[in-house]
C-alpha atoms as a PDB file:
ATOM      1  CA  UNK A   1     -11.486 -21.975-105.392  1.00  0.00           C
ATOM      2  CA  UNK A   2     -10.503 -22.341-101.734  1.00  0.00           C
ATOM      3  CA  UNK A   3      -9.266 -25.781-100.756  1.00  0.00           C
ATOM      4  CA  UNK A   4     -10.924 -27.474 -97.795  1.00  0.00           C
ATOM      5  CA  UNK A   5      -8.712 -27.889 -94.648  1.00  0.00           C
ATOM      6  CA  UNK A   6     -10.000 -31.460 -94.254  1.00  0.00           C
ATOM      7  CA  UNK A   7     -12.452 -33.854 -95.820  1.00  0.00           C
ATOM      8  CA  UNK A   8     -14.099 -34.329 -92.326  1.00  0.00           C
ATOM      9  CA  UNK A   9     -17.847 -33.306 -92.447  1.00  0.00           C
ATOM     10  CA  UNK A  10     -17.581 -31.623 -89.081  1.00  0.00           C
ATOM     11  CA  UNK A  11     -14.546 -29.572 -90.144  1.00  0.00           C
ATOM     12  CA  UNK A  12     -16.332 -28.577 -93.423  1.00  0.00           C
ATOM     13  CA  UNK A  13     -19.315 -27.265 -91.486  1.00  0.00           C
ATOM     14  CA  UNK A  14     -17.127 -25.466 -89.004  1.00  0.00           C
ATOM     15  CA  UNK A  15     -15.346 -23.697 -91.862  1.00  0.00           C
ATOM     16  CA  UNK A  16     -18.689 -21.929 -92.447  1.00  0.00           C
ATOM     17  CA  UNK A  17     -20.356 -21.693 -89.073  1.00  0.00           C
ATOM     18  CA  UNK A  18     -17.521 -22.391 -86.711  1.00  0.00           C
ATOM     19  CA  UNK A  19     -17.406 -18.972 -85.161  1.00  0.00           C
ATOM     20  CA  UNK A  20     -20.016 -17.444 -82.816  1.00  0.00           C
ATOM     21  CA  UNK A  21     -20.975 -14.668 -85.209  1.00  0.00           C
ATOM     22  CA  UNK A  22     -22.223 -16.812 -88.067  1.00  0.00           C
ATOM     23  CA  UNK A  23     -24.714 -18.606 -85.773  1.00  0.00           C
ATOM     24  CA  UNK A  24     -25.718 -15.297 -83.972  1.00  0.00           C
ATOM     25  CA  UNK A  25     -26.447 -13.790 -87.410  1.00  0.00           C
ATOM     26  CA  UNK A  26     -28.516 -16.953 -88.340  1.00  0.00           C
ATOM     27  CA  UNK A  27     -30.221 -16.785 -84.905  1.00  0.00           C
ATOM     28  CA  UNK A  28     -31.076 -13.080 -85.413  1.00  0.00           C
ATOM     29  CA  UNK A  29     -32.504 -13.621 -88.888  1.00  0.00           C
ATOM     30  CA  UNK A  30     -34.838 -16.246 -87.313  1.00  0.00           C
ATOM     31  CA  UNK A  31     -35.833 -13.592 -84.672  1.00  0.00           C
ATOM     32  CA  UNK A  32     -36.784 -11.147 -87.451  1.00  0.00           C
ATOM     33  CA  UNK A  33     -33.702  -9.082 -88.146  1.00  0.00           C
ATOM     34  CA  UNK A  34     -33.109  -8.415 -91.826  1.00  0.00           C
ATOM     35  CA  UNK A  35     -30.755  -5.459 -92.204  1.00  0.00           C
ATOM     36  CA  UNK A  36     -27.075  -4.693 -91.472  1.00  0.00           C
ATOM     37  CA  UNK A  37     -28.232  -1.984 -89.030  1.00  0.00           C
ATOM     38  CA  UNK A  38     -30.497  -4.464 -87.174  1.00  0.00           C
ATOM     39  CA  UNK A  39     -27.560  -6.895 -86.832  1.00  0.00           C
ATOM     40  CA  UNK A  40     -25.296  -4.172 -85.535  1.00  0.00           C
ATOM     41  CA  UNK A  41     -27.861  -3.413 -82.779  1.00  0.00           C
ATOM     42  CA  UNK A  42     -27.665  -6.987 -81.496  1.00  0.00           C
ATOM     43  CA  UNK A  43     -26.720  -7.207 -77.867  1.00  0.00           C
ATOM     44  CA  UNK A  44     -23.615  -9.181 -78.796  1.00  0.00           C
ATOM     45  CA  UNK A  45     -22.060  -6.031 -80.255  1.00  0.00           C
ATOM     46  CA  UNK A  46     -20.531  -7.491 -83.502  1.00  0.00           C
ATOM     47  CA  UNK A  47     -18.032  -5.128 -85.169  1.00  0.00           C
ATOM     48  CA  UNK A  48     -19.101  -3.801 -88.576  1.00  0.00           C
ATOM     49  CA  UNK A  49     -16.116  -5.446 -90.404  1.00  0.00           C
ATOM     50  CA  UNK A  50     -16.791  -8.821 -88.856  1.00  0.00           C
ATOM     51  CA  UNK A  51     -20.445  -8.540 -89.639  1.00  0.00           C
ATOM     52  CA  UNK A  52     -19.792  -7.694 -93.351  1.00  0.00           C
ATOM     53  CA  UNK A  53     -17.314 -10.600 -93.574  1.00  0.00           C
ATOM     54  CA  UNK A  54     -19.788 -13.113 -92.028  1.00  0.00           C
ATOM     55  CA  UNK A  55     -22.680 -12.023 -94.189  1.00  0.00           C
ATOM     56  CA  UNK A  56     -20.490 -12.434 -97.241  1.00  0.00           C
ATOM     57  CA  UNK A  57     -19.349 -15.927 -96.006  1.00  0.00           C
ATOM     58  CA  UNK A  58     -22.902 -16.994 -95.323  1.00  0.00           C
ATOM     59  CA  UNK A  59     -24.011 -15.772 -98.695  1.00  0.00           C
ATOM     60  CA  UNK A  60     -21.075 -17.370-100.539  1.00  0.00           C
ATOM     61  CA  UNK A  61     -21.968 -20.654 -98.861  1.00  0.00           C
ATOM     62  CA  UNK A  62     -25.693 -20.442 -99.751  1.00  0.00           C
ATOM     63  CA  UNK A  63     -27.034 -20.005 -96.248  1.00  0.00           C
ATOM     64  CA  UNK A  64     -28.400 -16.439 -96.874  1.00  0.00           C
ATOM     65  CA  UNK A  65     -29.440 -14.384 -99.837  1.00  0.00           C
ATOM     66  CA  UNK A  66     -29.850 -10.719-100.205  1.00  0.00           C
ATOM     67  CA  UNK A  67     -32.539  -8.502-101.825  1.00  0.00           C
ATOM     68  CA  UNK A  68     -33.404  -4.837-101.675  1.00  0.00           C
ATOM     69  CA  UNK A  69     -36.058  -2.991 -99.741  1.00  0.00           C
ATOM     70  CA  UNK A  70     -38.850  -2.012-102.097  1.00  0.00           C
ATOM     71  CA  UNK A  71     -38.971   1.613-100.988  1.00  0.00           C
ATOM     72  CA  UNK A  72     -35.252   1.966-100.350  1.00  0.00           C
ATOM     73  CA  UNK A  73     -32.918   0.588-102.948  1.00  0.00           C
ATOM     74  CA  UNK A  74     -29.931   1.279-100.700  1.00  0.00           C
ATOM     75  CA  UNK A  75     -31.013  -1.013 -97.893  1.00  0.00           C
ATOM     76  CA  UNK A  76     -30.264  -4.749 -98.246  1.00  0.00           C
ATOM     77  CA  UNK A  77     -32.555  -7.340 -96.777  1.00  0.00           C
ATOM     78  CA  UNK A  78     -30.837 -10.547 -95.750  1.00  0.00           C
ATOM     79  CA  UNK A  79     -32.914 -13.771 -95.582  1.00  0.00           C
ATOM     80  CA  UNK A  80     -32.236 -17.464 -95.067  1.00  0.00           C
ATOM     81  CA  UNK A  81     -32.214 -19.991 -97.818  1.00  0.00           C
ATOM     82  CA  UNK A  82     -33.426 -23.514 -97.173  1.00  0.00           C
ATOM     83  CA  UNK A  83     -29.875 -24.402 -96.288  1.00  0.00           C
ATOM     84  CA  UNK A  84     -29.811 -21.593 -93.746  1.00  0.00           C
ATOM     85  CA  UNK A  85     -33.198 -22.612 -92.286  1.00  0.00           C
ATOM     86  CA  UNK A  86     -31.826 -26.153 -91.908  1.00  0.00           C
ATOM     87  CA  UNK A  87     -29.445 -24.675 -89.293  1.00  0.00           C
ATOM     88  CA  UNK A  88     -32.258 -24.102 -86.772  1.00  0.00           C
ATOM     89  CA  UNK A  89     -32.202 -27.603 -85.190  1.00  0.00           C
ATOM     90  CA  UNK A  90     -28.547 -27.075 -84.577  1.00  0.00           C
ATOM     91  CA  UNK A  91     -29.037 -23.673 -82.948  1.00  0.00           C
ATOM     92  CA  UNK A  92     -31.990 -25.074 -80.926  1.00  0.00           C
ATOM     93  CA  UNK A  93     -29.994 -27.960 -79.635  1.00  0.00           C
ATOM     94  CA  UNK A  94     -27.026 -25.749 -78.812  1.00  0.00           C
ATOM     95  CA  UNK A  95     -29.242 -23.416 -76.767  1.00  0.00           C
ATOM     96  CA  UNK A  96     -30.726 -26.379 -74.849  1.00  0.00           C
ATOM     97  CA  UNK A  97     -27.317 -27.909 -74.207  1.00  0.00           C
ATOM     98  CA  UNK A  98     -26.301 -24.600 -72.669  1.00  0.00           C
ATOM     99  CA  UNK A  99     -29.492 -24.540 -70.556  1.00  0.00           C
ATOM    100  CA  UNK A 100     -28.833 -28.082 -69.330  1.00  0.00           C
ATOM    101  CA  UNK A 101     -25.079 -27.870 -68.780  1.00  0.00           C
ATOM    102  CA  UNK A 102     -24.000 -24.249 -67.929  1.00  0.00           C
ATOM    103  CA  UNK A 103     -24.826 -22.697 -64.684  1.00  0.00           C
ATOM    104  CA  UNK A 104     -25.571 -19.354 -66.154  1.00  0.00           C
ATOM    105  CA  UNK A 105     -28.236 -16.674 -66.257  1.00  0.00           C
ATOM    106  CA  UNK A 106     -29.083 -16.088 -69.898  1.00  0.00           C
ATOM    107  CA  UNK A 107     -30.269 -12.735 -71.357  1.00  0.00           C
ATOM    108  CA  UNK A 108     -33.836 -11.978 -72.394  1.00  0.00           C
ATOM    109  CA  UNK A 109     -33.545 -13.386 -75.952  1.00  0.00           C
ATOM    110  CA  UNK A 110     -32.173 -16.708 -74.703  1.00  0.00           C
ATOM    111  CA  UNK A 111     -34.638 -16.924 -71.856  1.00  0.00           C
ATOM    112  CA  UNK A 112     -37.615 -16.212 -74.191  1.00  0.00           C
ATOM    113  CA  UNK A 113     -36.430 -18.905 -76.717  1.00  0.00           C
ATOM    114  CA  UNK A 114     -35.891 -21.457 -73.946  1.00  0.00           C
ATOM    115  CA  UNK A 115     -39.195 -20.608 -72.218  1.00  0.00           C
ATOM    116  CA  UNK A 116     -41.204 -20.940 -75.488  1.00  0.00           C
ATOM    117  CA  UNK A 117     -39.928 -24.479 -75.935  1.00  0.00           C
ATOM    118  CA  UNK A 118     -40.152 -25.784 -72.409  1.00  0.00           C
ATOM    119  CA  UNK A 119     -42.108 -28.940 -72.067  1.00  0.00           C
ATOM    120  CA  UNK A 120     -42.769 -29.202 -75.784  1.00  0.00           C
ATOM    121  CA  UNK A 121     -41.232 -31.884 -78.086  1.00  0.00           C
ATOM    122  CA  UNK A 122     -38.163 -30.579 -79.834  1.00  0.00           C
ATOM    123  CA  UNK A 123     -39.413 -31.565 -83.290  1.00  0.00           C
ATOM    124  CA  UNK A 124     -42.607 -29.633 -82.827  1.00  0.00           C
ATOM    125  CA  UNK A 125     -40.825 -26.476 -81.703  1.00  0.00           C
ATOM    126  CA  UNK A 126     -38.271 -26.682 -84.513  1.00  0.00           C
ATOM    127  CA  UNK A 127     -41.049 -27.392 -87.056  1.00  0.00           C
ATOM    128  CA  UNK A 128     -43.050 -24.371 -85.865  1.00  0.00           C
ATOM    129  CA  UNK A 129     -40.066 -22.014 -85.949  1.00  0.00           C
ATOM    130  CA  UNK A 130     -38.895 -23.122 -89.350  1.00  0.00           C
ATOM    131  CA  UNK A 131     -42.538 -22.856 -90.742  1.00  0.00           C
ATOM    132  CA  UNK A 132     -42.940 -19.466 -89.219  1.00  0.00           C
ATOM    133  CA  UNK A 133     -39.637 -18.301 -90.818  1.00  0.00           C
ATOM    134  CA  UNK A 134     -40.730 -19.709 -94.208  1.00  0.00           C
ATOM    135  CA  UNK A 135     -43.723 -17.445 -93.896  1.00  0.00           C
ATOM    136  CA  UNK A 136     -41.534 -14.375 -93.230  1.00  0.00           C
ATOM    137  CA  UNK A 137     -39.272 -15.247 -96.134  1.00  0.00           C
ATOM    138  CA  UNK A 138     -42.257 -15.424 -98.502  1.00  0.00           C
ATOM    139  CA  UNK A 139     -43.324 -11.943 -97.457  1.00  0.00           C
ATOM    140  CA  UNK A 140     -39.706 -10.616 -98.043  1.00  0.00           C
ATOM    141  CA  UNK A 141     -39.629 -12.302-101.505  1.00  0.00           C
ATOM    142  CA  UNK A 142     -43.111 -11.132-102.414  1.00  0.00           C
ATOM    143  CA  UNK A 143     -42.203  -7.551-101.670  1.00  0.00           C
ATOM    144  CA  UNK A 144     -39.067  -7.912-103.669  1.00  0.00           C
ATOM    145  CA  UNK A 145     -40.899  -9.332-106.616  1.00  0.00           C
ATOM    146  CA  UNK A 146     -43.460  -6.561-106.355  1.00  0.00           C
ATOM    147  CA  UNK A 147     -40.646  -4.135-106.717  1.00  0.00           C
ATOM    148  CA  UNK A 148     -39.472  -5.739-109.880  1.00  0.00           C
ATOM    149  CA  UNK A 149     -42.914  -5.839-111.460  1.00  0.00           C
ATOM    150  CA  UNK A 150     -43.549  -2.211-110.511  1.00  0.00           C
ATOM    151  CA  UNK A 151     -40.729  -0.972-112.702  1.00  0.00           C
END
């Protein structure tokens, strides 16, 4: 078992999500991406070896799980666990911090996410996004369960 660098709660979290790729993957799952290929097509251009490593790290730490596509047993579907869904408030706050503090033009994904939450209470936006994702996850798990019962 890997020894922690520190017993600081922030350091412990950063050991899992302290690089940009882990948070981008979690963001992308919230936005509907589910497969390795979909993650690779993200505008941030993550390298395949880094993506594979981060997916493994997120799974090993209980933020994501993997199932198979019902009609294609080779394709893996990645989905967030409750622990992974619990990351959304952090992602939300980081995006809004950037909007408030960085004098930068954001891309279409960022602009859409920021626009959809403008003028609305943060807790309502976060609740709606997490509930929406829970519905998506239920669909994924229902399809995977159907596959098991079909055999």
